[in-house]
């Protein structure tokens, strides 16, 4: 998968902040990853997030280039998210 580009979902960053090794290993080997600015906002404004969790999320956010996805990217991202949800991935 090297050389491919991915838009990371909120759940991926949450799993990383929880120390999910499988998720971390995949991200380190699969390609280039980006984070939508709106995803960063969602993560930092999550209801009930502790100060410690917010610090972990901020640290992880520095690992991803931020972008403002256009309509084409959002369309692909939404289609893939629905496909993976149907497959319980």
N, C-alpha and C. Protein backbone atom coordinates (compact mmCIF):
# COMPACT_ATOMS: atom_id res chain seq x y z
N UNK A 1 0.80 -1.20 0.00
CA UNK A 1 0.00 0.00 0.00
C UNK A 1 0.84 1.26 0.00
N UNK A 2 2.13 1.14 0.08
CA UNK A 2 2.98 2.32 0.14
C UNK A 2 2.71 3.22 -1.05
N UNK A 3 2.76 4.54 -0.81
CA UNK A 3 2.52 5.49 -1.86
C UNK A 3 1.08 5.95 -1.97
N UNK A 4 0.18 5.28 -1.30
CA UNK A 4 -1.22 5.69 -1.32
C UNK A 4 -1.45 6.79 -0.30
N UNK A 5 -2.52 7.56 -0.52
CA UNK A 5 -2.86 8.66 0.39
C UNK A 5 -4.20 8.37 1.04
N UNK A 6 -4.29 8.65 2.33
CA UNK A 6 -5.49 8.34 3.10
C UNK A 6 -5.94 9.56 3.90
N UNK A 7 -7.25 9.71 4.01
CA UNK A 7 -7.84 10.72 4.88
C UNK A 7 -8.28 9.99 6.14
N UNK A 8 -7.70 10.36 7.26
CA UNK A 8 -7.93 9.67 8.53
C UNK A 8 -9.22 10.15 9.18
N UNK A 9 -10.01 9.21 9.66
CA UNK A 9 -11.27 9.50 10.34
C UNK A 9 -11.02 9.73 11.83
N UNK A 10 -11.97 10.35 12.47
CA UNK A 10 -11.92 10.63 13.91
C UNK A 10 -11.62 9.37 14.71
N UNK A 11 -12.27 8.27 14.37
CA UNK A 11 -12.10 7.03 15.13
C UNK A 11 -10.67 6.51 15.09
N UNK A 12 -9.97 6.75 14.00
CA UNK A 12 -8.58 6.30 13.89
C UNK A 12 -7.71 7.03 14.92
N UNK A 13 -7.88 8.33 15.03
CA UNK A 13 -7.09 9.10 15.99
C UNK A 13 -7.45 8.69 17.42
N UNK A 14 -8.72 8.42 17.67
CA UNK A 14 -9.14 7.96 19.00
C UNK A 14 -8.46 6.63 19.33
N UNK A 15 -8.44 5.71 18.37
CA UNK A 15 -7.78 4.41 18.60
C UNK A 15 -6.29 4.61 18.85
N UNK A 16 -5.66 5.49 18.12
CA UNK A 16 -4.24 5.77 18.35
C UNK A 16 -4.02 6.33 19.75
N UNK A 17 -4.90 7.23 20.19
CA UNK A 17 -4.73 7.82 21.52
C UNK A 17 -4.92 6.78 22.61
N UNK A 18 -5.63 5.71 22.29
CA UNK A 18 -5.83 4.61 23.26
C UNK A 18 -4.71 3.58 23.19
N UNK A 19 -3.74 3.81 22.29
CA UNK A 19 -2.60 2.91 22.20
C UNK A 19 -2.84 1.67 21.36
N UNK A 20 -3.78 1.72 20.42
CA UNK A 20 -4.09 0.58 19.56
C UNK A 20 -2.89 0.28 18.66
N UNK A 21 -2.16 -0.79 18.98
CA UNK A 21 -0.94 -1.16 18.26
C UNK A 21 -1.23 -1.53 16.82
N UNK A 22 -2.28 -2.25 16.56
CA UNK A 22 -2.63 -2.67 15.20
C UNK A 22 -2.87 -1.45 14.31
N UNK A 23 -3.57 -0.48 14.84
CA UNK A 23 -3.84 0.76 14.12
C UNK A 23 -2.54 1.52 13.85
N UNK A 24 -1.70 1.65 14.86
CA UNK A 24 -0.42 2.34 14.72
C UNK A 24 0.47 1.67 13.68
N UNK A 25 0.57 0.34 13.75
CA UNK A 25 1.41 -0.40 12.80
C UNK A 25 0.93 -0.21 11.37
N UNK A 26 -0.40 -0.24 11.17
CA UNK A 26 -0.94 -0.03 9.83
C UNK A 26 -0.58 1.36 9.32
N UNK A 27 -0.77 2.37 10.15
CA UNK A 27 -0.49 3.74 9.72
C UNK A 27 0.98 3.95 9.40
N UNK A 28 1.85 3.26 10.11
CA UNK A 28 3.27 3.42 9.87
C UNK A 28 3.73 2.76 8.58
N UNK A 29 2.93 1.81 8.06
CA UNK A 29 3.39 1.06 6.90
C UNK A 29 2.57 1.26 5.63
N UNK A 30 1.45 1.94 5.70
CA UNK A 30 0.51 1.91 4.58
C UNK A 30 0.61 3.07 3.59
N UNK A 31 1.17 4.20 3.94
CA UNK A 31 1.21 5.30 2.99
C UNK A 31 1.17 6.64 3.69
N UNK A 32 0.67 7.64 2.97
CA UNK A 32 0.59 8.99 3.50
C UNK A 32 -0.80 9.24 4.07
N UNK A 33 -0.85 9.83 5.25
CA UNK A 33 -2.12 10.06 5.93
C UNK A 33 -2.32 11.55 6.17
N UNK A 34 -3.57 11.96 6.01
CA UNK A 34 -3.96 13.36 6.20
C UNK A 34 -5.17 13.41 7.11
N UNK A 35 -5.35 14.55 7.71
CA UNK A 35 -6.47 14.74 8.63
C UNK A 35 -7.23 15.99 8.20
N UNK A 36 -8.54 15.87 8.08
CA UNK A 36 -9.35 17.04 7.75
C UNK A 36 -9.40 17.97 8.95
N UNK A 37 -9.39 19.26 8.69
CA UNK A 37 -9.43 20.24 9.78
C UNK A 37 -10.67 20.03 10.66
N UNK A 38 -11.77 19.65 10.05
CA UNK A 38 -13.00 19.42 10.82
C UNK A 38 -12.84 18.23 11.77
N UNK A 39 -12.05 17.25 11.38
CA UNK A 39 -11.80 16.10 12.25
C UNK A 39 -11.01 16.54 13.48
N UNK A 40 -10.02 17.39 13.28
CA UNK A 40 -9.25 17.92 14.41
C UNK A 40 -10.16 18.66 15.38
N UNK A 41 -11.07 19.45 14.83
CA UNK A 41 -12.03 20.19 15.66
C UNK A 41 -12.92 19.23 16.44
N UNK A 42 -13.41 18.19 15.78
CA UNK A 42 -14.26 17.19 16.45
C UNK A 42 -13.53 16.55 17.62
N UNK A 43 -12.30 16.19 17.39
CA UNK A 43 -11.52 15.51 18.43
C UNK A 43 -11.28 16.40 19.65
N UNK A 44 -10.97 17.65 19.41
CA UNK A 44 -10.64 18.54 20.52
C UNK A 44 -11.87 19.09 21.23
N UNK A 45 -13.04 19.00 20.61
CA UNK A 45 -14.25 19.51 21.25
C UNK A 45 -15.18 18.40 21.71
N UNK A 46 -14.67 17.17 21.72
CA UNK A 46 -15.46 16.01 22.16
C UNK A 46 -15.96 16.23 23.59
N UNK A 47 -17.23 16.00 23.78
CA UNK A 47 -17.84 16.17 25.11
C UNK A 47 -17.24 15.19 26.10
N UNK A 48 -16.85 15.70 27.24
CA UNK A 48 -16.33 14.85 28.31
C UNK A 48 -14.86 14.48 28.18
N UNK A 49 -14.17 15.04 27.20
CA UNK A 49 -12.75 14.69 27.03
C UNK A 49 -11.94 15.28 28.20
N UNK A 50 -11.08 14.46 28.76
CA UNK A 50 -10.27 14.90 29.89
C UNK A 50 -9.07 15.72 29.38
N UNK A 51 -8.44 16.42 30.30
CA UNK A 51 -7.26 17.21 29.96
C UNK A 51 -6.16 16.30 29.40
N UNK A 52 -5.98 15.14 30.02
CA UNK A 52 -4.97 14.17 29.58
C UNK A 52 -5.27 13.67 28.18
N UNK A 53 -6.54 13.32 27.92
CA UNK A 53 -6.92 12.86 26.58
C UNK A 53 -6.70 13.95 25.54
N UNK A 54 -7.05 15.18 25.90
CA UNK A 54 -6.88 16.29 24.97
C UNK A 54 -5.39 16.49 24.65
N UNK A 55 -4.53 16.35 25.63
CA UNK A 55 -3.08 16.46 25.40
C UNK A 55 -2.60 15.36 24.46
N UNK A 56 -3.09 14.12 24.66
CA UNK A 56 -2.72 13.01 23.78
C UNK A 56 -3.17 13.26 22.35
N UNK A 57 -4.40 13.75 22.21
CA UNK A 57 -4.95 14.03 20.88
C UNK A 57 -4.14 15.14 20.20
N UNK A 58 -3.83 16.19 20.93
CA UNK A 58 -3.01 17.28 20.36
C UNK A 58 -1.67 16.75 19.87
N UNK A 59 -1.05 15.89 20.64
CA UNK A 59 0.22 15.29 20.26
C UNK A 59 0.06 14.49 18.95
N UNK A 60 -0.99 13.68 18.88
CA UNK A 60 -1.23 12.87 17.67
C UNK A 60 -1.56 13.73 16.46
N UNK A 61 -2.28 14.82 16.67
CA UNK A 61 -2.65 15.70 15.56
C UNK A 61 -1.43 16.28 14.86
N UNK A 62 -0.34 16.43 15.60
CA UNK A 62 0.89 16.95 15.01
C UNK A 62 1.50 15.97 14.02
N UNK A 63 1.06 14.70 14.06
CA UNK A 63 1.59 13.67 13.18
C UNK A 63 0.97 13.71 11.78
N UNK A 64 -0.14 14.42 11.64
CA UNK A 64 -0.88 14.42 10.38
C UNK A 64 -0.92 15.81 9.76
N UNK A 65 -0.63 15.90 8.46
CA UNK A 65 -0.85 17.18 7.78
C UNK A 65 -2.36 17.45 7.74
N UNK A 66 -2.76 18.70 8.01
CA UNK A 66 -4.17 19.07 7.99
C UNK A 66 -4.55 19.56 6.59
N UNK A 67 -5.76 19.24 6.18
CA UNK A 67 -6.24 19.74 4.91
C UNK A 67 -7.72 20.10 5.00
N UNK A 68 -8.12 20.90 4.07
CA UNK A 68 -9.54 21.26 3.93
C UNK A 68 -10.04 20.50 2.71
N UNK A 69 -10.70 19.36 2.92
CA UNK A 69 -11.10 18.54 1.78
C UNK A 69 -12.13 19.22 0.90
N UNK A 70 -11.98 19.04 -0.41
CA UNK A 70 -12.96 19.56 -1.34
C UNK A 70 -14.09 18.53 -1.50
N UNK A 71 -15.06 18.86 -2.30
CA UNK A 71 -16.23 18.00 -2.46
C UNK A 71 -15.86 16.61 -2.97
N UNK A 72 -14.91 16.53 -3.90
CA UNK A 72 -14.50 15.23 -4.47
C UNK A 72 -13.92 14.33 -3.38
N UNK A 73 -13.05 14.88 -2.55
CA UNK A 73 -12.45 14.09 -1.47
C UNK A 73 -13.53 13.66 -0.48
N UNK A 74 -14.41 14.56 -0.11
CA UNK A 74 -15.49 14.21 0.83
C UNK A 74 -16.39 13.12 0.26
N UNK A 75 -16.65 13.16 -1.03
CA UNK A 75 -17.49 12.13 -1.66
C UNK A 75 -16.84 10.76 -1.58
N UNK A 76 -15.55 10.69 -1.92
CA UNK A 76 -14.83 9.41 -1.83
C UNK A 76 -14.76 8.92 -0.40
N UNK A 77 -14.45 9.82 0.50
CA UNK A 77 -14.33 9.46 1.92
C UNK A 77 -15.66 8.91 2.45
N UNK A 78 -16.75 9.58 2.13
CA UNK A 78 -18.07 9.14 2.59
C UNK A 78 -18.42 7.77 2.01
N UNK A 79 -18.14 7.55 0.74
CA UNK A 79 -18.43 6.27 0.10
C UNK A 79 -17.63 5.15 0.76
N UNK A 80 -16.35 5.39 1.03
CA UNK A 80 -15.53 4.36 1.68
C UNK A 80 -15.98 4.10 3.10
N UNK A 81 -16.36 5.14 3.81
CA UNK A 81 -16.83 4.97 5.18
C UNK A 81 -18.07 4.10 5.23
N UNK A 82 -18.99 4.30 4.29
CA UNK A 82 -20.21 3.48 4.23
C UNK A 82 -19.87 2.04 3.85
N UNK A 83 -18.94 1.86 2.92
CA UNK A 83 -18.53 0.52 2.51
C UNK A 83 -17.93 -0.24 3.68
N UNK A 84 -17.01 0.41 4.43
CA UNK A 84 -16.38 -0.24 5.57
C UNK A 84 -17.38 -0.52 6.68
N UNK A 85 -18.36 0.35 6.86
CA UNK A 85 -19.38 0.13 7.88
C UNK A 85 -20.20 -1.11 7.55
N UNK A 86 -20.51 -1.31 6.28
CA UNK A 86 -21.27 -2.50 5.87
C UNK A 86 -20.48 -3.78 6.13
N UNK A 87 -19.15 -3.68 6.07
CA UNK A 87 -18.29 -4.84 6.28
C UNK A 87 -17.81 -4.95 7.72
N UNK A 88 -18.33 -4.07 8.60
CA UNK A 88 -17.94 -4.03 10.01
C UNK A 88 -16.45 -3.83 10.20
N UNK A 89 -15.86 -2.96 9.39
CA UNK A 89 -14.41 -2.65 9.49
C UNK A 89 -14.22 -1.35 10.20
